[in-house]
Amino acid sequence: MASNFLDKAPTVFIEQNVMHFINAAQAFLICGRWTEAALAYGQAANMYRYELHALCEAAILYTKAGLASEKVEIGQGLDYFSKAVSVYCDCKKYGQAARIRQWIAENHDTNGNHEGAVIEYKMTTQYYHAANMNQQALQCQRKVAYLLGMDGEYAEASQVYQEIGREEMLHNLTKYSAQDSFFRATLLLLAVESCNLDEVKTHLQESIEVDFRFKVSAGCDFLKNIISILKLEDGTVHEFADHMYDYNELYPFDELNLELLDRIYKLHFDALE
């Protein structure tokens, strides 16, 4: 009996130390001493992870440490969040890992770091797929495509939107959103520097073949008319502007669509003025 107690003694000692660190972290939080709280949570998490091998508890504490660090400076908790993601992946809890990774991506996006946000959203998408959380994965893919478009990566953004549209068609809850994805994919192609209008028209037809409802949508008609105006040698900027105005009255353009249409105008009409 004594031998069994001695065998467990180191573990009991470690658990007591962990609780001391957690209690200290909570006290620091009450006092608003965020850096000290983060360090205490981080130390407790390390002990859970490496000495007690309690991975889920470690991930929770790494996350708390990250949140405390963020109170001091946005982005300062990245190291703790990354550790939490790593531990959750070791536990095969990909959904939890994805939520933290998505938080990191949103943080980058808020601070204007689109490149970092795209990288994080792509990784988040993979984690959500691993957790069979397809709706959340699609949301992250949309963010990737949108940010790529805003940063002028039109061809890549178009490809991502096309993939999103095809994925949306596979699920009843999202298939009606596919039209918007196909619309954006084609509009992005029109904004590419060396766009070939015949190739864009072929791309539009491929989208129609994937989603027959897209063929009779206002968005598809808008794109067909824009392509026709651009292909005509005597197509004028006034026709282009009037067509944009009429469509916008019914379906207001968001920021990316306005950026793309401005880009298309400059590519095809600016030199003529």
Protein backbone atom coordinates (compact mmCIF):
# COMPACT_ATOMS: atom_id res chain seq x y z
CA MET A 1 0.00 0.00 0.00
CA ALA A 2 2.83 2.35 0.92
CA SER A 3 4.62 1.52 -2.32
CA ASN A 4 1.50 2.36 -4.36
CA PHE A 5 1.23 5.71 -2.57
CA LEU A 6 4.89 6.50 -3.31
CA ASP A 7 4.40 5.65 -6.99
CA LYS A 8 1.57 8.19 -7.23
CA ALA A 9 3.31 10.85 -5.16
CA PRO A 10 5.07 12.63 -8.08
CA THR A 11 1.78 12.90 -10.00
CA VAL A 12 -0.04 14.29 -6.97
CA PHE A 13 2.74 16.84 -6.51
CA ILE A 14 2.51 17.94 -10.14
CA GLU A 15 -1.27 18.23 -9.98
CA GLN A 16 -0.96 20.44 -6.91
CA ASN A 17 1.51 22.68 -8.74
CA VAL A 18 -0.80 22.90 -11.72
CA MET A 19 -3.64 24.07 -9.49
CA HIS A 20 -1.35 26.67 -7.91
CA PHE A 21 -0.55 28.08 -11.35
CA ILE A 22 -4.23 28.10 -12.37
CA ASN A 23 -5.25 29.84 -9.14
CA ALA A 24 -2.47 32.38 -9.64
CA ALA A 25 -3.62 33.01 -13.22
CA GLN A 26 -7.19 33.62 -12.07
CA ALA A 27 -5.96 36.04 -9.41
CA PHE A 28 -3.88 37.91 -11.99
CA LEU A 29 -6.94 38.17 -14.25
CA ILE A 30 -8.94 39.76 -11.46
CA CYS A 31 -6.17 42.35 -11.01
CA GLY A 32 -5.93 42.99 -14.74
CA ARG A 33 -2.36 41.73 -14.90
CA TRP A 34 -2.78 40.00 -18.26
CA THR A 35 0.87 39.15 -18.97
CA GLU A 36 1.34 37.40 -15.63
CA ALA A 37 -1.97 35.56 -16.09
CA ALA A 38 -0.88 34.34 -19.51
CA LEU A 39 2.45 33.11 -18.17
CA ALA A 40 0.74 31.24 -15.31
CA TYR A 41 -1.80 29.62 -17.64
CA GLY A 42 0.99 28.73 -20.04
CA GLN A 43 3.05 27.08 -17.31
CA ALA A 44 0.05 25.06 -16.13
CA ALA A 45 -0.65 24.03 -19.73
CA ASN A 46 2.95 22.87 -20.19
CA MET A 47 2.71 20.71 -17.09
CA TYR A 48 -0.57 19.19 -18.24
CA ARG A 49 0.89 18.50 -21.66
CA TYR A 50 4.38 17.19 -20.92
CA GLU A 51 4.18 15.83 -17.37
CA LEU A 52 0.59 14.69 -16.87
CA HIS A 53 -0.12 14.00 -20.57
CA ALA A 54 -3.60 15.51 -20.19
CA LEU A 55 -3.81 16.99 -23.66
CA CYS A 56 -7.35 18.39 -23.68
CA GLU A 57 -6.76 20.24 -20.39
CA ALA A 58 -3.50 21.59 -21.79
CA ALA A 59 -5.22 22.90 -24.94
CA ILE A 60 -7.87 24.69 -22.89
CA LEU A 61 -5.23 26.41 -20.78
CA TYR A 62 -3.11 27.37 -23.82
CA THR A 63 -6.23 29.03 -25.23
CA LYS A 64 -6.82 30.93 -21.98
CA ALA A 65 -3.18 32.02 -22.01
CA GLY A 66 -3.60 33.28 -25.57
CA LEU A 67 -6.73 35.24 -24.72
CA ALA A 68 -4.97 36.86 -21.76
CA SER A 69 -2.02 37.83 -23.98
CA GLU A 70 -4.38 39.40 -26.51
CA LYS A 71 -5.53 41.80 -23.78
CA VAL A 72 -2.02 43.29 -23.80
CA GLU A 73 -1.46 43.46 -27.55
CA ILE A 74 -3.37 42.07 -30.53
CA GLY A 75 -1.39 39.18 -31.98
CA GLN A 76 0.66 38.56 -28.86
CA GLY A 77 -1.24 35.36 -28.05
CA LEU A 78 -0.39 33.70 -31.37
CA ASP A 79 2.22 31.36 -29.87
CA TYR A 80 -0.21 30.07 -27.23
CA PHE A 81 -3.00 29.66 -29.79
CA SER A 82 -0.67 27.72 -32.08
CA LYS A 83 0.20 25.38 -29.21
CA ALA A 84 -3.50 24.87 -28.49
CA VAL A 85 -4.13 24.01 -32.14
CA SER A 86 -1.24 21.54 -32.15
CA VAL A 87 -2.51 19.79 -29.03
CA TYR A 88 -6.09 19.60 -30.32
CA CYS A 89 -4.78 18.01 -33.52
CA ASP A 90 -2.86 15.45 -31.44
CA CYS A 91 -6.19 14.64 -29.77
CA LYS A 92 -7.88 14.49 -33.20
CA LYS A 93 -10.25 17.25 -32.08
CA TYR A 94 -10.09 19.06 -35.39
CA GLY A 95 -13.22 21.11 -34.82
CA GLN A 96 -11.74 22.82 -31.77
CA ALA A 97 -8.45 23.30 -33.60
CA ALA A 98 -10.30 24.90 -36.52
CA ARG A 99 -12.17 27.37 -34.30
CA ILE A 100 -8.91 28.65 -32.81
CA ARG A 101 -7.25 28.80 -36.22
CA GLN A 102 -10.25 30.73 -37.55
CA TRP A 103 -9.92 33.20 -34.67
CA ILE A 104 -6.28 33.75 -35.69
CA ALA A 105 -7.36 34.30 -39.30
CA GLU A 106 -10.02 36.82 -38.28
CA ASN A 107 -7.40 38.59 -36.17
CA HIS A 108 -5.11 38.94 -39.21
CA ASP A 109 -8.03 40.12 -41.35
CA THR A 110 -9.07 42.77 -38.81
CA ASN A 111 -5.52 44.12 -38.74
CA GLY A 112 -5.28 44.32 -42.54
CA ASN A 113 -2.87 41.38 -42.89
CA HIS A 114 -4.69 39.75 -45.79
CA GLU A 115 -1.81 37.47 -46.72
CA GLY A 116 -1.64 36.03 -43.21
CA ALA A 117 -5.43 35.75 -43.08
CA VAL A 118 -5.56 33.80 -46.35
CA ILE A 119 -2.95 31.32 -45.08
CA GLU A 120 -4.84 30.81 -41.82
CA TYR A 121 -8.26 30.51 -43.50
CA LYS A 122 -6.88 27.86 -45.87
CA MET A 123 -5.56 25.85 -42.93
CA THR A 124 -8.83 26.34 -41.06
CA THR A 125 -10.72 24.98 -44.05
CA GLN A 126 -8.64 21.79 -43.95
CA TYR A 127 -9.33 21.33 -40.23
CA TYR A 128 -13.07 21.82 -40.70
CA HIS A 129 -13.06 19.26 -43.51
CA ALA A 130 -11.21 16.83 -41.23
CA ALA A 131 -13.97 17.36 -38.65
CA ASN A 132 -16.68 16.91 -41.34
CA MET A 133 -17.90 20.45 -40.64
CA ASN A 134 -18.55 21.32 -44.27
CA GLN A 135 -20.62 24.47 -43.73
CA GLN A 136 -17.87 26.05 -41.66
CA ALA A 137 -15.28 24.97 -44.22
CA LEU A 138 -17.25 26.73 -46.98
CA GLN A 139 -17.42 29.93 -44.93
CA CYS A 140 -13.63 29.95 -44.64
CA GLN A 141 -13.21 29.23 -48.35
CA ARG A 142 -15.42 32.23 -49.11
CA LYS A 143 -13.17 34.40 -46.97
CA VAL A 144 -10.11 33.11 -48.86
CA ALA A 145 -11.68 33.89 -52.23
CA TYR A 146 -12.90 37.33 -51.12
CA LEU A 147 -9.54 38.40 -49.71
CA LEU A 148 -7.69 37.14 -52.79
CA GLY A 149 -10.05 39.19 -54.95
CA MET A 150 -9.56 42.31 -52.84
CA ASP A 151 -5.79 41.88 -53.12
CA GLY A 152 -5.89 41.66 -56.92
CA GLU A 153 -5.32 37.90 -57.21
CA TYR A 154 -8.23 37.68 -59.63
CA ALA A 155 -7.45 34.40 -61.40
CA GLU A 156 -6.81 32.50 -58.17
CA ALA A 157 -9.86 34.02 -56.49
CA SER A 158 -12.00 33.02 -59.49
CA GLN A 159 -10.79 29.44 -59.23
CA VAL A 160 -11.62 29.31 -55.52
CA TYR A 161 -15.11 30.71 -56.10
CA GLN A 162 -15.66 28.14 -58.83
CA GLU A 163 -14.65 25.36 -56.43
CA ILE A 164 -16.94 26.80 -53.78
CA GLY A 165 -19.87 26.84 -56.21
CA ARG A 166 -19.32 23.19 -57.11
CA GLU A 167 -19.08 22.26 -53.43
CA GLU A 168 -22.24 24.22 -52.60
CA MET A 169 -24.16 22.29 -55.25
CA LEU A 170 -23.50 19.07 -53.31
CA HIS A 171 -25.49 20.14 -50.24
CA ASN A 172 -29.16 21.07 -50.02
CA LEU A 173 -28.49 23.85 -47.52
CA THR A 174 -26.01 25.65 -49.75
CA LYS A 175 -26.96 24.87 -53.35
CA TYR A 176 -28.93 28.10 -53.66
CA SER A 177 -25.78 30.05 -52.78
CA ALA A 178 -23.90 28.55 -55.71
CA GLN A 179 -25.28 31.16 -58.13
CA ASP A 180 -23.51 33.94 -56.26
CA SER A 181 -20.24 31.99 -56.26
CA PHE A 182 -20.42 31.33 -60.01
CA PHE A 183 -21.32 34.98 -60.62
CA ARG A 184 -18.27 36.15 -58.66
CA ALA A 185 -15.99 33.60 -60.36
CA THR A 186 -16.88 34.96 -63.81
CA LEU A 187 -16.69 38.61 -62.79
CA LEU A 188 -13.20 38.00 -61.41
CA LEU A 189 -12.07 36.54 -64.73
CA LEU A 190 -13.23 39.69 -66.52
CA ALA A 191 -10.92 41.67 -64.23
CA VAL A 192 -7.81 39.69 -65.20
CA GLU A 193 -5.30 41.84 -67.14
CA SER A 194 -5.10 39.55 -70.17
CA CYS A 195 -8.63 38.16 -70.06
CA ASN A 196 -9.94 36.48 -73.18
CA LEU A 197 -13.66 37.20 -73.54
CA ASP A 198 -14.30 33.98 -75.44
CA GLU A 199 -12.67 32.00 -72.64
CA VAL A 200 -14.72 33.91 -70.06
CA LYS A 201 -17.87 33.07 -72.02
CA THR A 202 -16.88 29.39 -72.04
CA HIS A 203 -16.24 29.55 -68.30
CA LEU A 204 -19.71 31.05 -67.78
CA GLN A 205 -21.27 28.24 -69.82
CA GLU A 206 -19.48 25.64 -67.67
CA SER A 207 -21.03 27.21 -64.57
CA ILE A 208 -24.47 27.06 -66.18
CA GLU A 209 -23.96 23.36 -66.86
CA VAL A 210 -23.19 22.77 -63.18
CA ASP A 211 -26.21 24.75 -61.94
CA PHE A 212 -29.12 25.03 -64.38
CA ARG A 213 -30.80 27.61 -62.11
CA PHE A 214 -27.88 29.95 -62.71
CA LYS A 215 -28.84 30.16 -66.40
CA VAL A 216 -32.11 31.96 -65.62
CA SER A 217 -30.71 34.19 -62.87
CA ALA A 218 -30.36 37.96 -63.09
CA GLY A 219 -26.66 37.60 -62.36
CA CYS A 220 -26.10 35.37 -65.36
CA ASP A 221 -27.98 37.77 -67.64
CA PHE A 222 -25.92 40.65 -66.28
CA LEU A 223 -22.66 38.82 -67.08
CA LYS A 224 -23.80 37.86 -70.57
CA ASN A 225 -24.71 41.46 -71.33
CA ILE A 226 -21.41 42.77 -69.94
CA ILE A 227 -19.47 40.30 -72.09
CA SER A 228 -21.50 41.32 -75.15
CA ILE A 229 -20.83 45.02 -74.53
CA LEU A 230 -17.11 44.41 -74.10
CA LYS A 231 -16.92 42.29 -77.26
CA LEU A 232 -18.60 44.88 -79.46
CA GLU A 233 -16.16 47.20 -81.18
CA ASP A 234 -18.65 50.03 -80.81
CA GLY A 235 -19.60 49.14 -77.24
CA THR A 236 -19.56 52.33 -75.18
CA VAL A 237 -18.82 53.18 -71.60
CA HIS A 238 -22.34 54.58 -71.34
CA GLU A 239 -23.88 51.20 -72.13
CA PHE A 240 -21.59 49.63 -69.57
CA ALA A 241 -22.48 52.20 -66.90
CA ASP A 242 -26.22 52.01 -67.61
CA HIS A 243 -26.14 48.23 -67.35
CA MET A 244 -24.33 48.42 -64.02
CA TYR A 245 -26.79 51.01 -62.71
CA ASP A 246 -29.87 48.99 -63.68
CA TYR A 247 -28.54 45.82 -62.05
CA ASN A 248 -27.36 47.63 -58.91
CA GLU A 249 -30.82 49.06 -58.38
CA LEU A 250 -32.15 45.51 -57.86
CA TYR A 251 -29.07 43.73 -56.50
CA PRO A 252 -26.69 46.21 -54.82
CA PHE A 253 -23.01 45.48 -55.43
CA ASP A 254 -20.78 44.80 -52.44
CA GLU A 255 -17.28 46.23 -52.07
CA LEU A 256 -15.51 43.49 -54.03
CA ASN A 257 -17.96 43.59 -56.93
CA LEU A 258 -17.56 47.37 -57.18
CA GLU A 259 -13.76 46.97 -57.15
CA LEU A 260 -13.99 44.41 -59.93
CA LEU A 261 -16.32 46.49 -62.09
CA ASP A 262 -14.07 49.50 -61.67
CA ARG A 263 -11.14 47.34 -62.74
CA ILE A 264 -13.07 46.05 -65.77
CA TYR A 265 -13.97 49.61 -66.75
CA LYS A 266 -10.33 50.70 -66.59
CA LEU A 267 -9.16 47.70 -68.62
CA HIS A 268 -11.66 48.14 -71.44
CA PHE A 269 -12.72 51.78 -71.54
CA ASP A 270 -10.22 53.98 -69.71
CA ALA A 271 -7.81 54.10 -72.65
CA LEU A 272 -10.61 55.20 -74.97
CA GLU A 273 -11.37 58.39 -73.06
